[in-house]
Each structure stands twice: as C-alpha cells, then as structure tokens.
N, C-alpha and C. Protein backbone atom coordinates (compact mmCIF):
# COMPACT_ATOMS: atom_id res chain seq x y z
N MET A 1 164.21 105.15 180.39
CA MET A 1 164.10 107.04 180.43
C MET A 1 162.23 107.05 180.62
N SER A 2 162.39 107.48 182.50
CA SER A 2 160.61 107.09 183.09
C SER A 2 160.39 108.10 182.17
N PRO A 3 159.23 108.02 183.11
CA PRO A 3 158.25 109.33 182.24
C PRO A 3 158.17 110.41 183.16
N THR A 4 157.70 111.63 182.42
CA THR A 4 157.85 112.82 183.88
C THR A 4 156.14 113.02 184.14
N ILE A 5 156.69 113.17 185.77
CA ILE A 5 154.85 113.66 186.03
C ILE A 5 155.13 115.30 186.60
N THR A 6 154.22 116.45 185.89
CA THR A 6 154.00 116.96 185.78
C THR A 6 153.34 117.57 186.52
N LEU A 7 153.30 119.02 187.35
CA LEU A 7 151.92 119.24 188.66
C LEU A 7 150.97 119.82 187.77
N ASN A 8 151.02 120.20 187.05
CA ASN A 8 149.88 119.45 185.90
C ASN A 8 148.94 118.21 185.74
N ASP A 9 149.96 116.84 185.83
CA ASP A 9 149.34 115.88 185.95
C ASP A 9 149.12 115.55 187.54
N LEU A 10 149.57 116.09 188.43
CA LEU A 10 149.67 115.62 189.73
C LEU A 10 147.78 116.17 190.20
N ILE A 11 147.99 117.62 189.75
CA ILE A 11 146.61 118.12 189.69
C ILE A 11 145.32 117.48 189.47
N ALA A 12 145.17 117.54 187.48
CA ALA A 12 144.21 116.53 187.15
C ALA A 12 143.75 115.09 188.09
N VAL A 13 144.69 114.68 188.48
CA VAL A 13 144.73 112.90 189.13
C VAL A 13 143.87 113.78 190.26
N ARG A 14 144.57 114.39 191.43
CA ARG A 14 143.57 114.89 192.60
C ARG A 14 142.04 115.37 192.12
N LEU A 15 142.07 116.74 191.16
CA LEU A 15 140.86 116.83 190.91
C LEU A 15 139.43 115.39 190.36
N ASN A 16 140.29 114.72 189.59
CA ASN A 16 139.26 113.02 189.41
C ASN A 16 139.53 112.49 190.37
N GLU A 17 140.33 112.45 191.72
CA GLU A 17 139.92 111.59 192.96
C GLU A 17 138.50 112.13 193.59
N ILE A 18 138.95 113.34 193.32
CA ILE A 18 138.06 114.00 194.60
C ILE A 18 135.97 113.91 193.35
N ALA A 19 135.96 114.19 192.78
CA ALA A 19 135.47 113.75 191.87
C ALA A 19 134.70 112.41 192.03
N GLU A 20 135.27 111.95 192.21
CA GLU A 20 134.74 110.18 192.56
C GLU A 20 134.70 110.61 193.90
N ASP A 21 135.28 110.63 194.63
CA ASP A 21 134.91 110.82 196.04
C ASP A 21 133.11 111.20 196.42
N ALA A 22 132.94 112.49 195.37
CA ALA A 22 131.85 113.50 195.67
C ALA A 22 130.44 112.80 195.21
N TRP A 23 130.89 111.68 194.04
CA TRP A 23 129.92 110.79 193.82
C TRP A 23 129.39 109.74 194.19
N ASP A 24 130.59 109.04 194.99
CA ASP A 24 130.23 108.28 195.55
C ASP A 24 130.05 107.98 197.20
N GLN A 25 129.97 109.16 197.38
CA GLN A 25 129.28 109.77 199.24
C GLN A 25 128.17 110.52 199.18
N HIS A 26 127.98 111.55 197.82
CA HIS A 26 127.20 112.21 198.06
C HIS A 26 126.63 112.90 197.25
N ARG A 27 126.74 112.01 195.77
CA ARG A 27 126.00 111.85 194.38
C ARG A 27 125.77 113.12 193.74
N VAL A 28 126.99 113.86 193.70
CA VAL A 28 127.32 114.91 193.39
C VAL A 28 128.32 115.04 191.94
N MET A 29 128.14 116.06 190.88
CA MET A 29 128.63 115.41 190.08
C MET A 29 129.96 116.56 189.71
N ARG A 30 130.60 116.81 189.52
CA ARG A 30 131.62 117.31 188.67
C ARG A 30 131.43 118.12 187.48
N LEU A 31 131.19 119.07 186.63
CA LEU A 31 130.83 119.77 185.35
C LEU A 31 132.03 119.50 184.67
N GLY A 32 133.08 119.11 183.33
CA GLY A 32 133.90 119.59 182.57
C GLY A 32 133.17 121.16 182.83
N HIS A 33 134.92 121.72 182.29
CA HIS A 33 134.64 123.07 182.29
C HIS A 33 133.81 123.69 181.14
N GLY A 34 132.81 124.86 181.22
CA GLY A 34 131.81 125.15 180.25
C GLY A 34 131.34 124.32 180.09
N ASP A 35 130.78 123.12 180.45
CA ASP A 35 129.27 122.17 180.54
C ASP A 35 128.07 121.88 181.08
N GLY A 36 128.33 123.59 181.68
CA GLY A 36 127.23 123.97 182.82
C GLY A 36 126.85 125.22 182.50
N ARG A 37 125.92 125.78 183.51
CA ARG A 37 124.83 126.67 182.76
C ARG A 37 125.18 127.83 183.62
N VAL A 38 124.96 128.73 182.87
CA VAL A 38 125.21 130.45 183.44
C VAL A 38 124.09 130.53 184.19
N LEU A 39 124.76 130.63 185.84
CA LEU A 39 123.87 130.93 186.72
C LEU A 39 123.21 132.64 186.86
N GLU A 40 122.45 132.96 186.99
CA GLU A 40 122.63 134.86 187.15
C GLU A 40 121.59 134.84 188.07
N ILE A 41 121.57 136.10 188.92
CA ILE A 41 121.48 136.77 189.72
C ILE A 41 121.14 138.12 189.81
N GLY A 42 120.54 139.17 190.26
CA GLY A 42 120.57 140.33 189.77
C GLY A 42 121.43 140.66 188.76
N SER A 43 122.57 141.35 188.75
CA SER A 43 123.84 141.17 187.83
C SER A 43 124.73 141.13 187.76
N ALA A 44 124.58 139.14 188.52
CA ALA A 44 126.27 138.43 189.02
C ALA A 44 126.04 137.15 188.57
N ALA A 45 126.72 136.77 187.38
CA ALA A 45 126.61 135.77 186.82
C ALA A 45 127.68 134.62 187.69
N ALA A 46 127.48 133.69 187.32
CA ALA A 46 128.62 132.14 187.71
C ALA A 46 127.96 131.00 186.96
N TRP A 47 129.29 130.22 186.37
CA TRP A 47 129.32 129.00 185.54
C TRP A 47 128.74 127.95 186.40
N GLU A 48 128.10 126.71 186.55
CA GLU A 48 128.03 125.98 186.95
C GLU A 48 129.02 124.89 186.78
N GLN A 49 129.31 124.45 188.05
CA GLN A 49 130.83 123.14 188.05
C GLN A 49 130.43 121.68 188.92
N TRP A 50 129.65 122.28 189.57
CA TRP A 50 129.12 121.18 190.63
C TRP A 50 127.04 120.62 190.65
N THR A 51 126.96 119.65 190.40
CA THR A 51 125.39 119.46 190.08
C THR A 51 124.79 118.42 191.49
N CYS A 52 123.66 118.30 191.72
CA CYS A 52 123.25 117.62 192.87
C CYS A 52 122.69 116.52 191.82
N HIS A 53 123.45 115.62 192.48
CA HIS A 53 122.11 114.49 191.83
C HIS A 53 121.54 113.43 192.93
N GLY A 54 121.77 113.62 194.01
CA GLY A 54 121.32 113.62 195.86
C GLY A 54 119.48 113.51 195.87
N GLU A 55 118.95 112.37 196.41
CA GLU A 55 117.73 112.13 196.65
C GLU A 55 117.49 113.10 198.10
N HIS A 56 116.60 113.72 198.06
CA HIS A 56 116.15 114.71 198.71
C HIS A 56 114.99 114.37 199.14
N GLY A 57 113.95 112.96 198.85
CA GLY A 57 112.63 112.59 199.63
C GLY A 57 111.73 113.17 198.62
N ASP A 58 111.74 114.05 197.69
CA ASP A 58 111.67 114.74 196.36
C ASP A 58 111.97 114.19 194.69
N GLY A 59 112.60 112.91 195.05
CA GLY A 59 113.19 112.60 193.34
C GLY A 59 114.72 113.36 193.84
N LEU A 60 115.17 112.68 192.22
CA LEU A 60 116.41 113.13 192.17
C LEU A 60 116.28 114.47 192.27
N CYS A 61 117.52 115.35 192.47
CA CYS A 61 117.37 116.98 193.05
C CYS A 61 117.73 117.49 191.90
N GLY A 62 118.64 117.15 191.28
CA GLY A 62 119.42 117.98 189.96
C GLY A 62 119.91 119.50 189.58
N GLN A 63 119.47 119.99 191.18
CA GLN A 63 120.77 121.56 191.19
C GLN A 63 121.71 121.70 191.21
N PRO A 64 121.93 122.88 190.85
CA PRO A 64 122.96 123.17 190.58
C PRO A 64 123.78 123.67 191.93
N LEU A 65 125.21 123.74 192.11
CA LEU A 65 125.68 123.24 193.44
C LEU A 65 126.56 124.84 192.84
N LEU A 66 126.90 124.89 193.98
CA LEU A 66 128.31 126.56 194.11
C LEU A 66 128.95 126.67 195.18
N THR A 67 130.12 126.79 195.10
CA THR A 67 131.15 126.71 196.32
C THR A 67 131.14 128.12 197.42
N SER A 68 131.48 128.05 198.06
CA SER A 68 131.67 129.35 198.86
C SER A 68 132.00 130.42 198.34
N ARG A 69 132.77 130.31 197.22
CA ARG A 69 133.07 132.14 196.40
C ARG A 69 132.27 131.86 195.35
N GLN A 70 131.80 131.52 194.94
CA GLN A 70 130.17 131.65 194.26
C GLN A 70 129.60 132.09 194.68
N ALA A 71 128.83 131.61 195.51
CA ALA A 71 127.92 132.03 196.29
C ALA A 71 127.98 133.38 196.79
N SER A 72 129.50 133.91 197.31
CA SER A 72 129.94 135.16 198.09
C SER A 72 129.18 136.07 196.96
N ILE A 73 130.23 135.82 195.41
CA ILE A 73 129.91 136.41 194.54
C ILE A 73 128.61 137.24 194.08
N LEU A 74 127.88 136.72 193.79
CA LEU A 74 126.60 136.08 193.70
C LEU A 74 125.73 136.65 194.35
N LEU A 75 126.14 136.91 195.48
CA LEU A 75 125.04 137.51 196.84
C LEU A 75 126.10 138.85 196.98
N GLY A 76 127.23 139.13 196.49
CA GLY A 76 127.49 140.48 197.01
C GLY A 76 128.01 140.90 197.63
N LEU A 77 128.85 139.39 198.62
CA LEU A 77 129.79 139.58 199.49
C LEU A 77 131.35 139.77 199.62
N ARG A 78 131.68 140.09 200.42
CA ARG A 78 133.71 140.50 200.29
C ARG A 78 134.41 139.61 200.30
N SER A 79 133.54 138.76 201.84
CA SER A 79 134.31 137.36 201.98
C SER A 79 133.59 136.11 201.72
N ASP A 80 134.23 134.75 201.58
CA ASP A 80 133.38 133.89 201.19
C ASP A 80 133.23 133.52 202.60
N ASP A 81 133.44 133.58 203.78
CA ASP A 81 133.04 132.88 204.92
C ASP A 81 132.10 132.57 205.05
N ASP A 82 130.61 131.66 205.24
CA ASP A 82 129.52 131.46 205.95
C ASP A 82 128.77 132.55 204.64
N PRO A 83 128.37 132.22 203.52
CA PRO A 83 127.58 132.77 202.84
C PRO A 83 126.70 132.85 202.63
N ILE A 84 126.10 131.39 202.97
CA ILE A 84 124.43 131.06 203.31
C ILE A 84 123.95 130.47 205.26
N PRO A 85 124.09 131.38 205.70
CA PRO A 85 124.50 130.50 207.47
C PRO A 85 123.35 130.28 207.78
N ASP A 86 122.27 129.52 207.10
CA ASP A 86 121.37 128.90 207.26
C ASP A 86 120.26 128.50 206.08
N PRO A 87 121.23 127.27 205.35
CA PRO A 87 120.85 126.61 204.39
C PRO A 87 120.21 125.64 204.72
N GLN A 88 118.85 125.59 203.78
CA GLN A 88 117.76 124.44 203.89
C GLN A 88 118.43 122.53 203.86
N MET A 89 119.30 123.05 202.58
CA MET A 89 119.90 121.95 202.15
C MET A 89 121.85 121.62 203.02
N ALA A 90 122.00 120.75 203.20
CA ALA A 90 122.95 120.44 204.30
C ALA A 90 123.79 121.39 204.12
N PRO A 91 124.86 121.77 203.36
CA PRO A 91 126.21 122.38 202.04
C PRO A 91 127.35 120.69 201.95
N ILE A 92 127.22 120.21 200.95
CA ILE A 92 127.97 119.31 200.78
C ILE A 92 129.64 119.84 200.83
N GLU A 93 130.77 119.08 202.04
CA GLU A 93 131.99 119.25 201.44
C GLU A 93 132.17 118.47 200.94
N VAL A 94 133.94 119.18 200.04
CA VAL A 94 134.88 118.63 199.33
C VAL A 94 135.49 119.18 199.58
N GLU A 95 136.97 118.56 198.81
CA GLU A 95 138.65 119.75 198.37
C GLU A 95 138.75 120.13 197.61
N LEU A 96 138.63 121.47 197.15
CA LEU A 96 138.65 122.32 196.33
C LEU A 96 139.63 123.13 196.17
N LEU A 97 140.44 122.59 194.56
CA LEU A 97 141.89 123.52 194.71
C LEU A 97 141.57 125.55 194.92
N ASP A 98 142.30 125.83 195.81
CA ASP A 98 142.15 126.71 195.81
C ASP A 98 143.08 127.83 195.27
N GLU A 99 143.08 128.45 194.45
CA GLU A 99 144.23 129.16 193.37
C GLU A 99 144.74 129.94 193.65
N GLY A 100 144.57 130.73 194.82
CA GLY A 100 144.50 132.15 195.85
C GLY A 100 145.76 131.47 196.61
N VAL A 101 145.73 130.15 196.94
CA VAL A 101 146.29 129.45 198.32
C VAL A 101 147.41 129.08 197.64
N GLY A 102 146.82 128.06 196.37
CA GLY A 102 147.74 127.91 195.68
C GLY A 102 147.95 126.20 196.11
N CYS A 103 146.79 125.16 196.99
CA CYS A 103 146.91 124.36 197.55
C CYS A 103 145.53 123.81 197.69
N PHE A 104 144.92 122.81 197.86
CA PHE A 104 143.86 121.22 197.86
C PHE A 104 142.89 122.67 199.33
N MET A 105 142.30 123.03 199.41
CA MET A 105 141.02 123.59 200.85
C MET A 105 139.86 123.16 200.82
N PRO A 106 139.93 122.23 201.93
CA PRO A 106 138.52 122.20 202.35
C PRO A 106 137.47 123.25 201.80
N ASP A 107 136.19 123.16 201.78
CA ASP A 107 135.48 123.87 201.23
C ASP A 107 133.34 123.25 201.06
N ALA A 108 132.74 124.24 200.78
CA ALA A 108 130.99 123.85 201.09
C ALA A 108 130.45 123.90 199.39
N LEU A 109 129.69 123.04 199.02
CA LEU A 109 128.84 123.40 198.36
C LEU A 109 127.36 123.64 198.68
N PHE A 110 127.04 124.75 198.18
CA PHE A 110 125.83 125.07 198.21
C PHE A 110 124.57 124.86 196.99
N HIS A 111 123.34 124.31 197.50
CA HIS A 111 122.34 124.39 197.09
C HIS A 111 121.78 125.91 195.80
N TRP A 112 121.49 125.53 194.54
CA TRP A 112 121.13 126.82 194.10
C TRP A 112 120.02 127.67 194.41
N SER A 113 119.04 126.78 195.17
CA SER A 113 118.14 127.06 195.85
C SER A 113 117.90 128.20 197.17
N ASP A 114 119.09 127.53 197.86
CA ASP A 114 119.59 127.99 198.69
C ASP A 114 120.18 129.46 198.82
N VAL A 115 121.00 129.61 197.61
CA VAL A 115 121.82 131.33 197.66
C VAL A 115 120.26 132.00 196.57
N VAL A 116 119.39 131.64 196.49
CA VAL A 116 118.16 132.30 195.68
C VAL A 116 118.04 132.49 196.72
N ARG A 117 117.43 132.07 197.88
CA ARG A 117 116.39 132.43 199.17
C ARG A 117 117.55 132.92 199.82
N GLU A 118 118.74 133.03 199.47
CA GLU A 118 119.26 134.16 201.02
C GLU A 118 120.03 135.45 199.92
N TYR A 119 119.68 135.52 198.48
CA TYR A 119 119.58 136.41 198.01
C TYR A 119 118.61 137.54 198.08
N ARG A 120 117.34 136.51 198.15
CA ARG A 120 115.74 137.38 198.36
C ARG A 120 116.15 137.85 199.72
N LYS A 121 116.38 137.40 200.48
CA LYS A 121 116.17 138.31 201.96
C LYS A 121 117.15 139.29 202.06
N ALA A 122 117.83 139.13 201.41
CA ALA A 122 119.23 140.31 201.61
C ALA A 122 118.46 141.93 200.57
N LYS A 123 117.35 141.08 199.24
CA LYS A 123 116.48 141.82 198.38
C LYS A 123 116.03 143.41 200.01
C-alpha cells in the first residue's frame, strides 16, 4: 500500500520551497506561526511572518516584512493593491498562499520602516 499524500502535505511542501527560495535569493526568513513579534500602528496590529536578514549597506537589516494585505490592514486601506506606492526599500517578490483564492499567488513583502513611513504620511 502506497502512502497517501494529502492537500495539506502538498501545501506544506510548497510553503517550505517558497521559504527556502526566499532565503537563498533575498535572505528573507519565514517565521513559524506565532514566532514573530506583534507589529502595531495606531489601533491596528499584525503578526510578523517574515524577517529580512539582507545587507542593505548598513549591516544586516533585521526588519519585519509585511505582506501587501498586512500593510493594507495596518494602513487602513480597503484594497491590498499597491499599499506603499514609493517604498524606500525595494519590495521582495514571493509567492504566497492566498486563502481567499485558494492558490499560490505572487505577492510583495514590504519592510516595516516603509509601512511606518506611509502611515505617518497619511496622518
């Protein structure tokens, strides 16, 4: 009898592949559920899911990275399309599981400092 492969198994394998690629290509680390910090702006909060370990000229970065959806929620936007129009740090393109669509879709990870800067501009 051959082992059964479930959809959860396939999703877990793909999430691991994405995390490995993000590390190899961008020095971005995916954090386990609940392992990150709580990031707060105003009255909104989000869990840190990704962290940048890249070198941007001033040593290792170490900033939390937020998905388009997380950035939009923290900024009070209704859509996750282009939540940060002029980021100072280039967004990092990755594939993420879009639970609303039910598949993996390209997304951008934004540095925390850009989200905070955009929030201050909107105030």
